[in-house]
Amino acid sequence: MNTVSIDTTHRRLVIKPRGLDKLWGFTRRIEVPMDQVRGATHDPGVVEDYKGVRGPGLGIPGHKWVGTWRKDGQRHYWNVTGGKTTIVIQTTAERFQRLYISVEDPRSTVDLINAALTDQNRQ
């Protein structure tokens, strides 16, 4: 189920889609400096919201969204299967302002990202 790997090393948040998600989403890697990450939350209900205009990417309503969506003048990256384990990462980065990602353990992933932010702010 885990279609991405998430790492918070070297003061960067690195998201790497796996398998066919790289192809469907036209994205091999997303890197965001930690000082441009605002925070992460677990939000399983977000898949019910209007996502915006897709392009490029794959969208199968009710099941899978992978790629770029544009909404309200912002660009968002989706890599979500199902929705129950979706986390949302907000950034101030130019490429994507929000990252919607399915992970195996949403609570620990959110804690990992937010702890990295706390460590970044201490330095």
PDB file of N, CA and C in Angstrom:
ATOM      1  N   MET A   1       0.805  -1.204   0.000  1.00  0.00           N
ATOM      2  CA  MET A   1       0.000   0.000   0.000  1.00  0.00           C
ATOM      3  C   MET A   1       0.843   1.262   0.000  1.00  0.00           C
ATOM      4  N   ASN A   2       2.010   1.221   0.658  1.00  0.00           N
ATOM      5  CA  ASN A   2       2.843   2.415   0.746  1.00  0.00           C
ATOM      6  C   ASN A   2       3.454   2.702  -0.619  1.00  0.00           C
ATOM      7  N   THR A   3       2.927   3.700  -1.296  1.00  0.00           N
ATOM      8  CA  THR A   3       3.349   4.002  -2.663  1.00  0.00           C
ATOM      9  C   THR A   3       4.397   5.095  -2.726  1.00  0.00           C
ATOM     10  N   VAL A   4       4.849   5.568  -1.569  1.00  0.00           N
ATOM     11  CA  VAL A   4       5.913   6.573  -1.516  1.00  0.00           C
ATOM     12  C   VAL A   4       6.852   6.252  -0.365  1.00  0.00           C
ATOM     13  N   SER A   5       8.054   6.795  -0.454  1.00  0.00           N
ATOM     14  CA  SER A   5       8.928   6.800   0.717  1.00  0.00           C
ATOM     15  C   SER A   5       9.088   8.256   1.135  1.00  0.00           C
ATOM     16  N   ILE A   6       9.129   8.483   2.435  1.00  0.00           N
ATOM     17  CA  ILE A   6       9.266   9.832   2.983  1.00  0.00           C
ATOM     18  C   ILE A   6      10.476   9.838   3.892  1.00  0.00           C
ATOM     19  N   ASP A   7      11.333  10.832   3.696  1.00  0.00           N
ATOM     20  CA  ASP A   7      12.539  10.950   4.502  1.00  0.00           C
ATOM     21  C   ASP A   7      12.721  12.409   4.899  1.00  0.00           C
ATOM     22  N   THR A   8      13.281  12.647   6.064  1.00  0.00           N
ATOM     23  CA  THR A   8      13.494  14.017   6.548  1.00  0.00           C
ATOM     24  C   THR A   8      14.960  14.237   6.893  1.00  0.00           C
ATOM     25  N   THR A   9      15.848  13.832   6.023  1.00  0.00           N
ATOM     26  CA  THR A   9      17.268  13.977   6.303  1.00  0.00           C
ATOM     27  C   THR A   9      17.846  15.234   5.669  1.00  0.00           C
ATOM     28  N   HIS A  10      18.965  15.654   6.211  1.00  0.00           N
ATOM     29  CA  HIS A  10      19.727  16.788   5.661  1.00  0.00           C
ATOM     30  C   HIS A  10      18.877  18.036   5.490  1.00  0.00           C
ATOM     31  N   ARG A  11      18.029  18.284   6.492  1.00  0.00           N
ATOM     32  CA  ARG A  11      17.188  19.482   6.504  1.00  0.00           C
ATOM     33  C   ARG A  11      16.266  19.595   5.292  1.00  0.00           C
ATOM     34  N   ARG A  12      15.880  18.447   4.764  1.00  0.00           N
ATOM     35  CA  ARG A  12      14.984  18.413   3.618  1.00  0.00           C
ATOM     36  C   ARG A  12      13.928  17.333   3.827  1.00  0.00           C
ATOM     37  N   LEU A  13      12.745  17.611   3.313  1.00  0.00           N
ATOM     38  CA  LEU A  13      11.700  16.601   3.239  1.00  0.00           C
ATOM     39  C   LEU A  13      11.783  16.019   1.837  1.00  0.00           C
ATOM     40  N   VAL A  14      11.977  14.717   1.753  1.00  0.00           N
ATOM     41  CA  VAL A  14      12.117  14.059   0.455  1.00  0.00           C
ATOM     42  C   VAL A  14      11.003  13.028   0.313  1.00  0.00           C
ATOM     43  N   ILE A  15      10.240  13.164  -0.768  1.00  0.00           N
ATOM     44  CA  ILE A  15       9.166  12.221  -1.075  1.00  0.00           C
ATOM     45  C   ILE A  15       9.486  11.590  -2.408  1.00  0.00           C
ATOM     46  N   LYS A  16       9.524  10.240  -2.411  1.00  0.00           N
ATOM     47  CA  LYS A  16       9.822   9.503  -3.635  1.00  0.00           C
ATOM     48  C   LYS A  16       8.672   8.554  -3.943  1.00  0.00           C
ATOM     49  N   PRO A  17       7.920   8.837  -5.007  1.00  0.00           N
ATOM     50  CA  PRO A  17       6.891   7.884  -5.419  1.00  0.00           C
ATOM     51  C   PRO A  17       7.540   6.560  -5.836  1.00  0.00           C
ATOM     52  N   ARG A  18       6.803   5.487  -5.659  1.00  0.00           N
ATOM     53  CA  ARG A  18       7.301   4.151  -6.003  1.00  0.00           C
ATOM     54  C   ARG A  18       6.495   3.560  -7.144  1.00  0.00           C
ATOM     55  N   GLY A  19       7.103   2.619  -7.825  1.00  0.00           N
ATOM     56  CA  GLY A  19       6.413   1.843  -8.851  1.00  0.00           C
ATOM     57  C   GLY A  19       5.786   2.695  -9.936  1.00  0.00           C
ATOM     58  N   LEU A  20       4.571   2.314 -10.332  1.00  0.00           N
ATOM     59  CA  LEU A  20       3.877   3.022 -11.410  1.00  0.00           C
ATOM     60  C   LEU A  20       3.457   4.433 -11.031  1.00  0.00           C
ATOM     61  N   ASP A  21       3.446   4.742  -9.738  1.00  0.00           N
ATOM     62  CA  ASP A  21       3.077   6.098  -9.316  1.00  0.00           C
ATOM     63  C   ASP A  21       4.051   7.139  -9.855  1.00  0.00           C
ATOM     64  N   LYS A  22       5.302   6.753 -10.082  1.00  0.00           N
ATOM     65  CA  LYS A  22       6.266   7.673 -10.712  1.00  0.00           C
ATOM     66  C   LYS A  22       5.806   8.032 -12.117  1.00  0.00           C
ATOM     67  N   LEU A  23       5.346   7.034 -12.841  1.00  0.00           N
ATOM     68  CA  LEU A  23       4.883   7.232 -14.213  1.00  0.00           C
ATOM     69  C   LEU A  23       3.563   7.992 -14.249  1.00  0.00           C
ATOM     70  N   TRP A  24       2.589   7.534 -13.470  1.00  0.00           N
ATOM     71  CA  TRP A  24       1.265   8.157 -13.477  1.00  0.00           C
ATOM     72  C   TRP A  24       1.303   9.609 -13.028  1.00  0.00           C
ATOM     73  N   GLY A  25       2.159   9.914 -12.076  1.00  0.00           N
ATOM     74  CA  GLY A  25       2.221  11.268 -11.528  1.00  0.00           C
ATOM     75  C   GLY A  25       3.269  12.157 -12.166  1.00  0.00           C
ATOM     76  N   PHE A  26       4.042  11.608 -13.112  1.00  0.00           N
ATOM     77  CA  PHE A  26       5.099  12.365 -13.782  1.00  0.00           C
ATOM     78  C   PHE A  26       6.053  12.994 -12.765  1.00  0.00           C
ATOM     79  N   THR A  27       6.303  12.282 -11.671  1.00  0.00           N
ATOM     80  CA  THR A  27       7.151  12.802 -10.602  1.00  0.00           C
ATOM     81  C   THR A  27       8.000  11.667 -10.041  1.00  0.00           C
ATOM     82  N   ARG A  28       9.313  11.845 -10.061  1.00  0.00           N
ATOM     83  CA  ARG A  28      10.218  10.856  -9.499  1.00  0.00           C
ATOM     84  C   ARG A  28      10.629  11.193  -8.068  1.00  0.00           C
ATOM     85  N   ARG A  29      10.620  12.496  -7.747  1.00  0.00           N
ATOM     86  CA  ARG A  29      11.119  12.915  -6.441  1.00  0.00           C
ATOM     87  C   ARG A  29      10.639  14.334  -6.168  1.00  0.00           C
ATOM     88  N   ILE A  30      10.243  14.579  -4.937  1.00  0.00           N
ATOM     89  CA  ILE A  30       9.903  15.926  -4.487  1.00  0.00           C
ATOM     90  C   ILE A  30      10.787  16.225  -3.292  1.00  0.00           C
ATOM     91  N   GLU A  31      11.518  17.313  -3.370  1.00  0.00           N
ATOM     92  CA  GLU A  31      12.367  17.742  -2.255  1.00  0.00           C
ATOM     93  C   GLU A  31      11.936  19.134  -1.830  1.00  0.00           C
ATOM     94  N   VAL A  32      11.714  19.294  -0.533  1.00  0.00           N
ATOM     95  CA  VAL A  32      11.321  20.586   0.020  1.00  0.00           C
ATOM     96  C   VAL A  32      12.236  20.875   1.213  1.00  0.00           C
ATOM     97  N   PRO A  33      12.921  22.018   1.214  1.00  0.00           N
ATOM     98  CA  PRO A  33      13.704  22.369   2.398  1.00  0.00           C
ATOM     99  C   PRO A  33      12.785  22.434   3.619  1.00  0.00           C
ATOM    100  N   MET A  34      13.270  21.947   4.758  1.00  0.00           N
ATOM    101  CA  MET A  34      12.435  21.910   5.959  1.00  0.00           C
ATOM    102  C   MET A  34      11.963  23.296   6.376  1.00  0.00           C
ATOM    103  N   ASP A  35      12.725  24.350   6.038  1.00  0.00           N
ATOM    104  CA  ASP A  35      12.263  25.687   6.409  1.00  0.00           C
ATOM    105  C   ASP A  35      11.097  26.161   5.540  1.00  0.00           C
ATOM    106  N   GLN A  36      10.727  25.355   4.515  1.00  0.00           N
ATOM    107  CA  GLN A  36       9.554  25.659   3.707  1.00  0.00           C
ATOM    108  C   GLN A  36       8.387  24.723   4.012  1.00  0.00           C
ATOM    109  N   VAL A  37       8.547  23.847   4.979  1.00  0.00           N
ATOM    110  CA  VAL A  37       7.464  22.946   5.406  1.00  0.00           C
ATOM    111  C   VAL A  37       6.766  23.599   6.596  1.00  0.00           C
ATOM    112  N   ARG A  38       5.446  23.759   6.476  1.00  0.00           N
ATOM    113  CA  ARG A  38       4.667  24.397   7.554  1.00  0.00           C
ATOM    114  C   ARG A  38       4.143  23.397   8.559  1.00  0.00           C
ATOM    115  N   GLY A  39       3.943  22.144   8.133  1.00  0.00           N
ATOM    116  CA  GLY A  39       3.441  21.135   9.057  1.00  0.00           C
ATOM    117  C   GLY A  39       2.728  20.017   8.331  1.00  0.00           C
ATOM    118  N   ALA A  40       2.408  18.962   9.083  1.00  0.00           N
ATOM    119  CA  ALA A  40       1.721  17.798   8.524  1.00  0.00           C
ATOM    120  C   ALA A  40       0.573  17.401   9.437  1.00  0.00           C
ATOM    121  N   THR A  41      -0.500  16.920   8.831  1.00  0.00           N
ATOM    122  CA  THR A  41      -1.660  16.444   9.584  1.00  0.00           C
ATOM    123  C   THR A  41      -2.207  15.180   8.938  1.00  0.00           C
ATOM    124  N   HIS A  42      -2.905  14.379   9.729  1.00  0.00           N
ATOM    125  CA  HIS A  42      -3.616  13.206   9.207  1.00  0.00           C
ATOM    126  C   HIS A  42      -5.040  13.652   8.905  1.00  0.00           C
ATOM    127  N   ASP A  43      -5.471  13.500   7.661  1.00  0.00           N
ATOM    128  CA  ASP A  43      -6.801  13.973   7.256  1.00  0.00           C
ATOM    129  C   ASP A  43      -7.447  12.976   6.297  1.00  0.00           C
ATOM    130  N   PRO A  44      -8.050  11.902   6.811  1.00  0.00           N
ATOM    131  CA  PRO A  44      -8.647  10.899   5.939  1.00  0.00           C
ATOM    132  C   PRO A  44      -9.849  11.407   5.150  1.00  0.00           C
ATOM    133  N   GLY A  45     -10.494  12.479   5.592  1.00  0.00           N
ATOM    134  CA  GLY A  45     -11.673  12.993   4.894  1.00  0.00           C
ATOM    135  C   GLY A  45     -11.362  13.889   3.713  1.00  0.00           C
ATOM    136  N   VAL A  46     -10.104  14.271   3.542  1.00  0.00           N
ATOM    137  CA  VAL A  46      -9.746  15.216   2.489  1.00  0.00           C
ATOM    138  C   VAL A  46     -10.019  14.653   1.088  1.00  0.00           C
ATOM    139  N   VAL A  47     -10.062  13.346   0.947  1.00  0.00           N
ATOM    140  CA  VAL A  47     -10.302  12.767  -0.384  1.00  0.00           C
ATOM    141  C   VAL A  47     -11.710  13.066  -0.895  1.00  0.00           C
ATOM    142  N   GLU A  48     -12.602  13.449   0.002  1.00  0.00           N
ATOM    143  CA  GLU A  48     -13.967  13.783  -0.397  1.00  0.00           C
ATOM    144  C   GLU A  48     -14.072  15.210  -0.943  1.00  0.00           C
ATOM    145  N   ASP A  49     -13.071  16.042  -0.691  1.00  0.00           N
ATOM    146  CA  ASP A  49     -13.080  17.439  -1.133  1.00  0.00           C
ATOM    147  C   ASP A  49     -12.806  17.558  -2.629  1.00  0.00           C
ATOM    148  N   TYR A  50     -13.224  18.684  -3.189  1.00  0.00           N
ATOM    149  CA  TYR A  50     -12.907  18.997  -4.583  1.00  0.00           C
ATOM    150  C   TYR A  50     -11.405  19.196  -4.697  1.00  0.00           C
ATOM    151  N   LYS A  51     -10.786  18.515  -5.634  1.00  0.00           N
ATOM    152  CA  LYS A  51      -9.335  18.534  -5.751  1.00  0.00           C
ATOM    153  C   LYS A  51      -8.823  19.605  -6.701  1.00  0.00           C
ATOM    154  N   GLY A  52      -9.645  20.071  -7.604  1.00  0.00           N
ATOM    155  CA  GLY A  52      -9.214  21.058  -8.579  1.00  0.00           C
ATOM    156  C   GLY A  52      -9.101  20.430  -9.958  1.00  0.00           C
ATOM    157  N   VAL A  53      -8.257  21.041 -10.787  1.00  0.00           N
ATOM    158  CA  VAL A  53      -8.071  20.582 -12.167  1.00  0.00           C
ATOM    159  C   VAL A  53      -6.809  19.726 -12.218  1.00  0.00           C
ATOM    160  N   ARG A  54      -6.957  18.526 -12.733  1.00  0.00           N
ATOM    161  CA  ARG A  54      -5.842  17.584 -12.802  1.00  0.00           C
ATOM    162  C   ARG A  54      -4.977  17.851 -14.026  1.00  0.00           C
ATOM    163  N   GLY A  55      -3.700  17.684 -13.861  1.00  0.00           N
ATOM    164  CA  GLY A  55      -2.830  17.716 -15.019  1.00  0.00           C
ATOM    165  C   GLY A  55      -1.385  17.973 -14.652  1.00  0.00           C
ATOM    166  N   PRO A  56      -0.514  17.095 -14.956  1.00  0.00           N
ATOM    167  CA  PRO A  56      -0.744  15.720 -15.403  1.00  0.00           C
ATOM    168  C   PRO A  56      -0.998  14.803 -14.210  1.00  0.00           C
ATOM    169  N   GLY A  57      -1.560  13.642 -14.500  1.00  0.00           N
ATOM    170  CA  GLY A  57      -1.782  12.684 -13.431  1.00  0.00           C
ATOM    171  C   GLY A  57      -2.902  11.709 -13.718  1.00  0.00           C
ATOM    172  N   LEU A  58      -3.155  10.867 -12.740  1.00  0.00           N
ATOM    173  CA  LEU A  58      -4.177   9.834 -12.819  1.00  0.00           C
ATOM    174  C   LEU A  58      -5.212  10.088 -11.734  1.00  0.00           C
ATOM    175  N   GLY A  59      -6.479  10.041 -12.101  1.00  0.00           N
ATOM    176  CA  GLY A  59      -7.538  10.204 -11.120  1.00  0.00           C
ATOM    177  C   GLY A  59      -8.620   9.168 -11.327  1.00  0.00           C
ATOM    178  N   ILE A  60      -8.784   8.274 -10.367  1.00  0.00           N
ATOM    179  CA  ILE A  60      -9.858   7.286 -10.384  1.00  0.00           C
ATOM    180  C   ILE A  60     -10.711   7.580  -9.158  1.00  0.00           C
ATOM    181  N   PRO A  61     -11.832   8.309  -9.342  1.00  0.00           N
ATOM    182  CA  PRO A  61     -12.646   8.728  -8.200  1.00  0.00           C
ATOM    183  C   PRO A  61     -12.979   7.573  -7.254  1.00  0.00           C
ATOM    184  N   GLY A  62     -12.804   7.858  -5.973  1.00  0.00           N
ATOM    185  CA  GLY A  62     -13.097   6.874  -4.945  1.00  0.00           C
ATOM    186  C   GLY A  62     -11.990   5.861  -4.715  1.00  0.00           C
ATOM    187  N   HIS A  63     -10.912   5.934  -5.521  1.00  0.00           N
ATOM    188  CA  HIS A  63      -9.862   4.931  -5.366  1.00  0.00           C
ATOM    189  C   HIS A  63      -8.442   5.495  -5.364  1.00  0.00           C
ATOM    190  N   LYS A  64      -8.035   6.204  -6.421  1.00  0.00           N
ATOM    191  CA  LYS A  64      -6.624   6.587  -6.540  1.00  0.00           C
ATOM    192  C   LYS A  64      -6.478   7.930  -7.241  1.00  0.00           C
ATOM    193  N   TRP A  65      -5.568   8.752  -6.672  1.00  0.00           N
ATOM    194  CA  TRP A  65      -5.218  10.036  -7.275  1.00  0.00           C
ATOM    195  C   TRP A  65      -3.703  10.151  -7.212  1.00  0.00           C
ATOM    196  N   VAL A  66      -3.071  10.358  -8.350  1.00  0.00           N
ATOM    197  CA  VAL A  66      -1.619  10.527  -8.398  1.00  0.00           C
ATOM    198  C   VAL A  66      -1.307  11.617  -9.409  1.00  0.00           C
ATOM    199  N   GLY A  67      -0.584  12.640  -8.981  1.00  0.00           N
ATOM    200  CA  GLY A  67      -0.163  13.680  -9.904  1.00  0.00           C
ATOM    201  C   GLY A  67      -0.416  15.070  -9.361  1.00  0.00           C
ATOM    202  N   THR A  68      -0.493  16.016 -10.290  1.00  0.00           N
ATOM    203  CA  THR A  68      -0.627  17.430  -9.953  1.00  0.00           C
ATOM    204  C   THR A  68      -2.061  17.889 -10.152  1.00  0.00           C
ATOM    205  N   TRP A  69      -2.568  18.623  -9.184  1.00  0.00           N
ATOM    206  CA  TRP A  69      -3.883  19.262  -9.281  1.00  0.00           C
ATOM    207  C   TRP A  69      -3.698  20.746  -9.004  1.00  0.00           C
ATOM    208  N   ARG A  70      -4.460  21.555  -9.702  1.00  0.00           N
ATOM    209  CA  ARG A  70      -4.424  23.006  -9.494  1.00  0.00           C
ATOM    210  C   ARG A  70      -5.773  23.456  -8.943  1.00  0.00           C
ATOM    211  N   LYS A  71      -5.695  24.229  -7.846  1.00  0.00           N
ATOM    212  CA  LYS A  71      -6.921  24.698  -7.202  1.00  0.00           C
ATOM    213  C   LYS A  71      -6.624  26.033  -6.518  1.00  0.00           C
ATOM    214  N   ASP A  72      -7.483  27.005  -6.746  1.00  0.00           N
ATOM    215  CA  ASP A  72      -7.359  28.324  -6.110  1.00  0.00           C
ATOM    216  C   ASP A  72      -5.986  28.953  -6.332  1.00  0.00           C
ATOM    217  N   GLY A  73      -5.453  28.797  -7.536  1.00  0.00           N
ATOM    218  CA  GLY A  73      -4.164  29.393  -7.871  1.00  0.00           C
ATOM    219  C   GLY A  73      -2.968  28.671  -7.266  1.00  0.00           C
ATOM    220  N   GLN A  74      -3.174  27.526  -6.673  1.00  0.00           N
ATOM    221  CA  GLN A  74      -2.091  26.753  -6.072  1.00  0.00           C
ATOM    222  C   GLN A  74      -1.957  25.408  -6.773  1.00  0.00           C
ATOM    223  N   ARG A  75      -0.772  24.844  -6.659  1.00  0.00           N
ATOM    224  CA  ARG A  75      -0.510  23.522  -7.219  1.00  0.00           C
ATOM    225  C   ARG A  75      -0.318  22.539  -6.076  1.00  0.00           C
ATOM    226  N   HIS A  76      -1.007  21.406  -6.172  1.00  0.00           N
ATOM    227  CA  HIS A  76      -0.946  20.381  -5.131  1.00  0.00           C
ATOM    228  C   HIS A  76      -0.522  19.066  -5.760  1.00  0.00           C
ATOM    229  N   TYR A  77       0.215  18.268  -4.990  1.00  0.00           N
ATOM    230  CA  TYR A  77       0.608  16.927  -5.439  1.00  0.00           C
ATOM    231  C   TYR A  77      -0.195  15.905  -4.648  1.00  0.00           C
ATOM    232  N   TRP A  78      -0.797  14.971  -5.366  1.00  0.00           N
ATOM    233  CA  TRP A  78      -1.567  13.889  -4.751  1.00  0.00           C
ATOM    234  C   TRP A  78      -0.893  12.555  -5.055  1.00  0.00           C
ATOM    235  N   ASN A  79      -0.780  11.719  -4.048  1.00  0.00           N
ATOM    236  CA  ASN A  79      -0.394  10.326  -4.223  1.00  0.00           C
ATOM    237  C   ASN A  79      -1.159   9.556  -3.151  1.00  0.00           C
ATOM    238  N   VAL A  80      -2.439   9.336  -3.435  1.00  0.00           N
ATOM    239  CA  VAL A  80      -3.371   8.788  -2.449  1.00  0.00           C
ATOM    240  C   VAL A  80      -4.096   7.591  -3.024  1.00  0.00           C
ATOM    241  N   THR A  81      -4.132   6.524  -2.256  1.00  0.00           N
ATOM    242  CA  THR A  81      -4.919   5.344  -2.588  1.00  0.00           C
ATOM    243  C   THR A  81      -5.920   5.158  -1.459  1.00  0.00           C
ATOM    244  N   GLY A  82      -7.195   5.126  -1.809  1.00  0.00           N
ATOM    245  CA  GLY A  82      -8.239   4.974  -0.795  1.00  0.00           C
ATOM    246  C   GLY A  82      -8.518   6.276  -0.093  1.00  0.00           C
ATOM    247  N   GLY A  83      -7.850   6.538   0.983  1.00  0.00           N
ATOM    248  CA  GLY A  83      -8.026   7.806   1.672  1.00  0.00           C
ATOM    249  C   GLY A  83      -7.873   7.740   3.173  1.00  0.00           C
ATOM    250  N   LYS A  84      -8.071   6.565   3.785  1.00  0.00           N
ATOM    251  CA  LYS A  84      -8.056   6.463   5.245  1.00  0.00           C
ATOM    252  C   LYS A  84      -6.706   6.812   5.860  1.00  0.00           C
ATOM    253  N   THR A  85      -5.641   6.643   5.104  1.00  0.00           N
ATOM    254  CA  THR A  85      -4.300   6.878   5.648  1.00  0.00           C
ATOM    255  C   THR A  85      -3.641   8.105   5.015  1.00  0.00           C
ATOM    256  N   THR A  86      -4.443   9.070   4.605  1.00  0.00           N
ATOM    257  CA  THR A  86      -3.919  10.257   3.929  1.00  0.00           C
ATOM    258  C   THR A  86      -3.376  11.272   4.919  1.00  0.00           C
ATOM    259  N   ILE A  87      -2.165  11.750   4.631  1.00  0.00           N
ATOM    260  CA  ILE A  87      -1.624  12.874   5.376  1.00  0.00           C
ATOM    261  C   ILE A  87      -1.531  14.061   4.429  1.00  0.00           C
ATOM    262  N   VAL A  88      -1.581  15.256   5.001  1.00  0.00           N
ATOM    263  CA  VAL A  88      -1.463  16.488   4.226  1.00  0.00           C
ATOM    264  C   VAL A  88      -0.263  17.255   4.768  1.00  0.00           C
ATOM    265  N   ILE A  89       0.643  17.590   3.867  1.00  0.00           N
ATOM    266  CA  ILE A  89       1.834  18.356   4.230  1.00  0.00           C
ATOM    267  C   ILE A  89       1.703  19.724   3.573  1.00  0.00           C
ATOM    268  N   GLN A  90       1.694  20.772   4.381  1.00  0.00           N
ATOM    269  CA  GLN A  90       1.594  22.130   3.849  1.00  0.00           C
ATOM    270  C   GLN A  90       2.978  22.733   3.742  1.00  0.00           C
ATOM    271  N   THR A  91       3.222  23.422   2.617  1.00  0.00           N
ATOM    272  CA  THR A  91       4.534  24.023   2.389  1.00  0.00           C
ATOM    273  C   THR A  91       4.381  25.462   1.893  1.00  0.00           C
ATOM    274  N   THR A  92       5.490  26.161   1.864  1.00  0.00           N
ATOM    275  CA  THR A  92       5.554  27.476   1.233  1.00  0.00           C
ATOM    276  C   THR A  92       6.394  27.389  -0.033  1.00  0.00           C
ATOM    277  N   ALA A  93       6.670  26.173  -0.480  1.00  0.00           N
ATOM    278  CA  ALA A  93       7.509  25.948  -1.658  1.00  0.00           C
ATOM    279  C   ALA A  93       6.795  26.400  -2.928  1.00  0.00           C
ATOM    280  N   GLU A  94       7.560  26.696  -3.954  1.00  0.00           N
ATOM    281  CA  GLU A  94       6.988  27.142  -5.227  1.00  0.00           C
ATOM    282  C   GLU A  94       6.326  26.006  -5.991  1.00  0.00           C
ATOM    283  N   ARG A  95       6.934  24.829  -5.997  1.00  0.00           N
ATOM    284  CA  ARG A  95       6.433  23.740  -6.838  1.00  0.00           C
ATOM    285  C   ARG A  95       5.061  23.233  -6.395  1.00  0.00           C
ATOM    286  N   PHE A  96       4.937  22.841  -5.123  1.00  0.00           N
ATOM    287  CA  PHE A  96       3.667  22.346  -4.582  1.00  0.00           C
ATOM    288  C   PHE A  96       3.419  23.001  -3.234  1.00  0.00           C
ATOM    289  N   GLN A  97       2.209  23.533  -3.056  1.00  0.00           N
ATOM    290  CA  GLN A  97       1.869  24.157  -1.787  1.00  0.00           C
ATOM    291  C   GLN A  97       1.302  23.148  -0.787  1.00  0.00           C
ATOM    292  N   ARG A  98       0.766  22.045  -1.306  1.00  0.00           N
ATOM    293  CA  ARG A  98       0.282  20.956  -0.441  1.00  0.00           C
ATOM    294  C   ARG A  98       0.633  19.631  -1.078  1.00  0.00           C
ATOM    295  N   LEU A  99       0.967  18.683  -0.213  1.00  0.00           N
ATOM    296  CA  LEU A  99       1.265  17.323  -0.636  1.00  0.00           C
ATOM    297  C   LEU A  99       0.288  16.400   0.083  1.00  0.00           C
ATOM    298  N   TYR A 100      -0.490  15.652  -0.679  1.00  0.00           N
ATOM    299  CA  TYR A 100      -1.455  14.700  -0.124  1.00  0.00           C
ATOM    300  C   TYR A 100      -0.891  13.308  -0.392  1.00  0.00           C
ATOM    301  N   ILE A 101      -0.596  12.574   0.674  1.00  0.00           N
ATOM    302  CA  ILE A 101       0.135  11.323   0.546  1.00  0.00           C
ATOM    303  C   ILE A 101      -0.524  10.231   1.389  1.00  0.00           C
ATOM    304  N   SER A 102      -0.672   9.025   0.808  1.00  0.00           N
ATOM    305  CA  SER A 102      -1.086   7.853   1.582  1.00  0.00           C
ATOM    306  C   SER A 102       0.154   7.208   2.173  1.00  0.00           C
ATOM    307  N   VAL A 103       0.093   6.907   3.450  1.00  0.00           N
ATOM    308  CA  VAL A 103       1.204   6.243   4.143  1.00  0.00           C
ATOM    309  C   VAL A 103       0.651   5.097   4.980  1.00  0.00           C
ATOM    310  N   GLU A 104       1.504   4.147   5.331  1.00  0.00           N
ATOM    311  CA  GLU A 104       1.044   3.003   6.120  1.00  0.00           C
ATOM    312  C   GLU A 104       0.647   3.391   7.540  1.00  0.00           C
ATOM    313  N   ASP A 105       1.421   4.272   8.152  1.00  0.00           N
ATOM    314  CA  ASP A 105       1.162   4.673   9.529  1.00  0.00           C
ATOM    315  C   ASP A 105       1.096   6.203   9.591  1.00  0.00           C
ATOM    316  N   PRO A 106      -0.093   6.776   9.383  1.00  0.00           N
ATOM    317  CA  PRO A 106      -0.208   8.229   9.310  1.00  0.00           C
ATOM    318  C   PRO A 106       0.265   8.950  10.575  1.00  0.00           C
ATOM    319  N   ARG A 107      -0.076   8.431  11.745  1.00  0.00           N
ATOM    320  CA  ARG A 107       0.287   9.123  12.985  1.00  0.00           C
ATOM    321  C   ARG A 107       1.798   9.235  13.134  1.00  0.00           C
ATOM    322  N   SER A 108       2.527   8.136  12.933  1.00  0.00           N
ATOM    323  CA  SER A 108       3.980   8.194  13.112  1.00  0.00           C
ATOM    324  C   SER A 108       4.647   9.022  12.012  1.00  0.00           C
ATOM    325  N   THR A 109       4.101   9.021  10.809  1.00  0.00           N
ATOM    326  CA  THR A 109       4.671   9.829   9.727  1.00  0.00           C
ATOM    327  C   THR A 109       4.467  11.312  10.006  1.00  0.00           C
ATOM    328  N   VAL A 110       3.275  11.685  10.460  1.00  0.00           N
ATOM    329  CA  VAL A 110       3.011  13.080  10.830  1.00  0.00           C
ATOM    330  C   VAL A 110       3.934  13.492  11.974  1.00  0.00           C
ATOM    331  N   ASP A 111       4.087  12.626  12.964  1.00  0.00           N
ATOM    332  CA  ASP A 111       4.976  12.926  14.089  1.00  0.00           C
ATOM    333  C   ASP A 111       6.421  13.088  13.628  1.00  0.00           C
ATOM    334  N   LEU A 112       6.870  12.248  12.708  1.00  0.00           N
ATOM    335  CA  LEU A 112       8.230  12.333  12.173  1.00  0.00           C
ATOM    336  C   LEU A 112       8.471  13.683  11.494  1.00  0.00           C
ATOM    337  N   ILE A 113       7.537  14.095  10.646  1.00  0.00           N
ATOM    338  CA  ILE A 113       7.685  15.359   9.921  1.00  0.00           C
ATOM    339  C   ILE A 113       7.638  16.540  10.887  1.00  0.00           C
ATOM    340  N   ASN A 114       6.670  16.535  11.790  1.00  0.00           N
ATOM    341  CA  ASN A 114       6.544  17.659  12.726  1.00  0.00           C
ATOM    342  C   ASN A 114       7.721  17.713  13.709  1.00  0.00           C
ATOM    343  N   ALA A 115       8.269  16.558  14.083  1.00  0.00           N
ATOM    344  CA  ALA A 115       9.458  16.550  14.945  1.00  0.00           C
ATOM    345  C   ALA A 115      10.662  17.121  14.200  1.00  0.00           C
ATOM    346  N   ALA A 116      10.785  16.805  12.923  1.00  0.00           N
ATOM    347  CA  ALA A 116      11.879  17.363  12.116  1.00  0.00           C
ATOM    348  C   ALA A 116      11.744  18.880  12.027  1.00  0.00           C
ATOM    349  N   LEU A 117      10.507  19.383  11.967  1.00  0.00           N
ATOM    350  CA  LEU A 117      10.284  20.831  11.962  1.00  0.00           C
ATOM    351  C   LEU A 117      10.715  21.452  13.280  1.00  0.00           C
ATOM    352  N   THR A 118      10.394  20.800  14.376  1.00  0.00           N
ATOM    353  CA  THR A 118      10.781  21.296  15.685  1.00  0.00           C
ATOM    354  C   THR A 118      12.297  21.334  15.803  1.00  0.00           C
ATOM    355  N   ASP A 119      12.959  20.284  15.344  1.00  0.00           N
ATOM    356  CA  ASP A 119      14.426  20.252  15.365  1.00  0.00           C
ATOM    357  C   ASP A 119      15.006  21.354  14.489  1.00  0.00           C
ATOM    358  N   GLN A 120      14.399  21.588  13.332  1.00  0.00           N
ATOM    359  CA  GLN A 120      14.859  22.631  12.413  1.00  0.00           C
ATOM    360  C   GLN A 120      14.734  24.013  13.070  1.00  0.00           C
ATOM    361  N   ASN A 121      13.643  24.241  13.783  1.00  0.00           N
ATOM    362  CA  ASN A 121      13.419  25.541  14.428  1.00  0.00           C
ATOM    363  C   ASN A 121      14.361  25.778  15.590  1.00  0.00           C
ATOM    364  N   ARG A 122      14.863  24.717  16.213  1.00  0.00           N
ATOM    365  CA  ARG A 122      15.800  24.850  17.331  1.00  0.00           C
ATOM    366  C   ARG A 122      17.185  25.281  16.863  1.00  0.00           C
ATOM    367  N   GLN A 123      17.517  24.976  15.638  1.00  0.00           N
ATOM    368  CA  GLN A 123      18.876  25.272  15.152  1.00  0.00           C
ATOM    369  C   GLN A 123      19.054  26.679  14.709  1.00  0.00           C
TER     370      GLN A 123
END
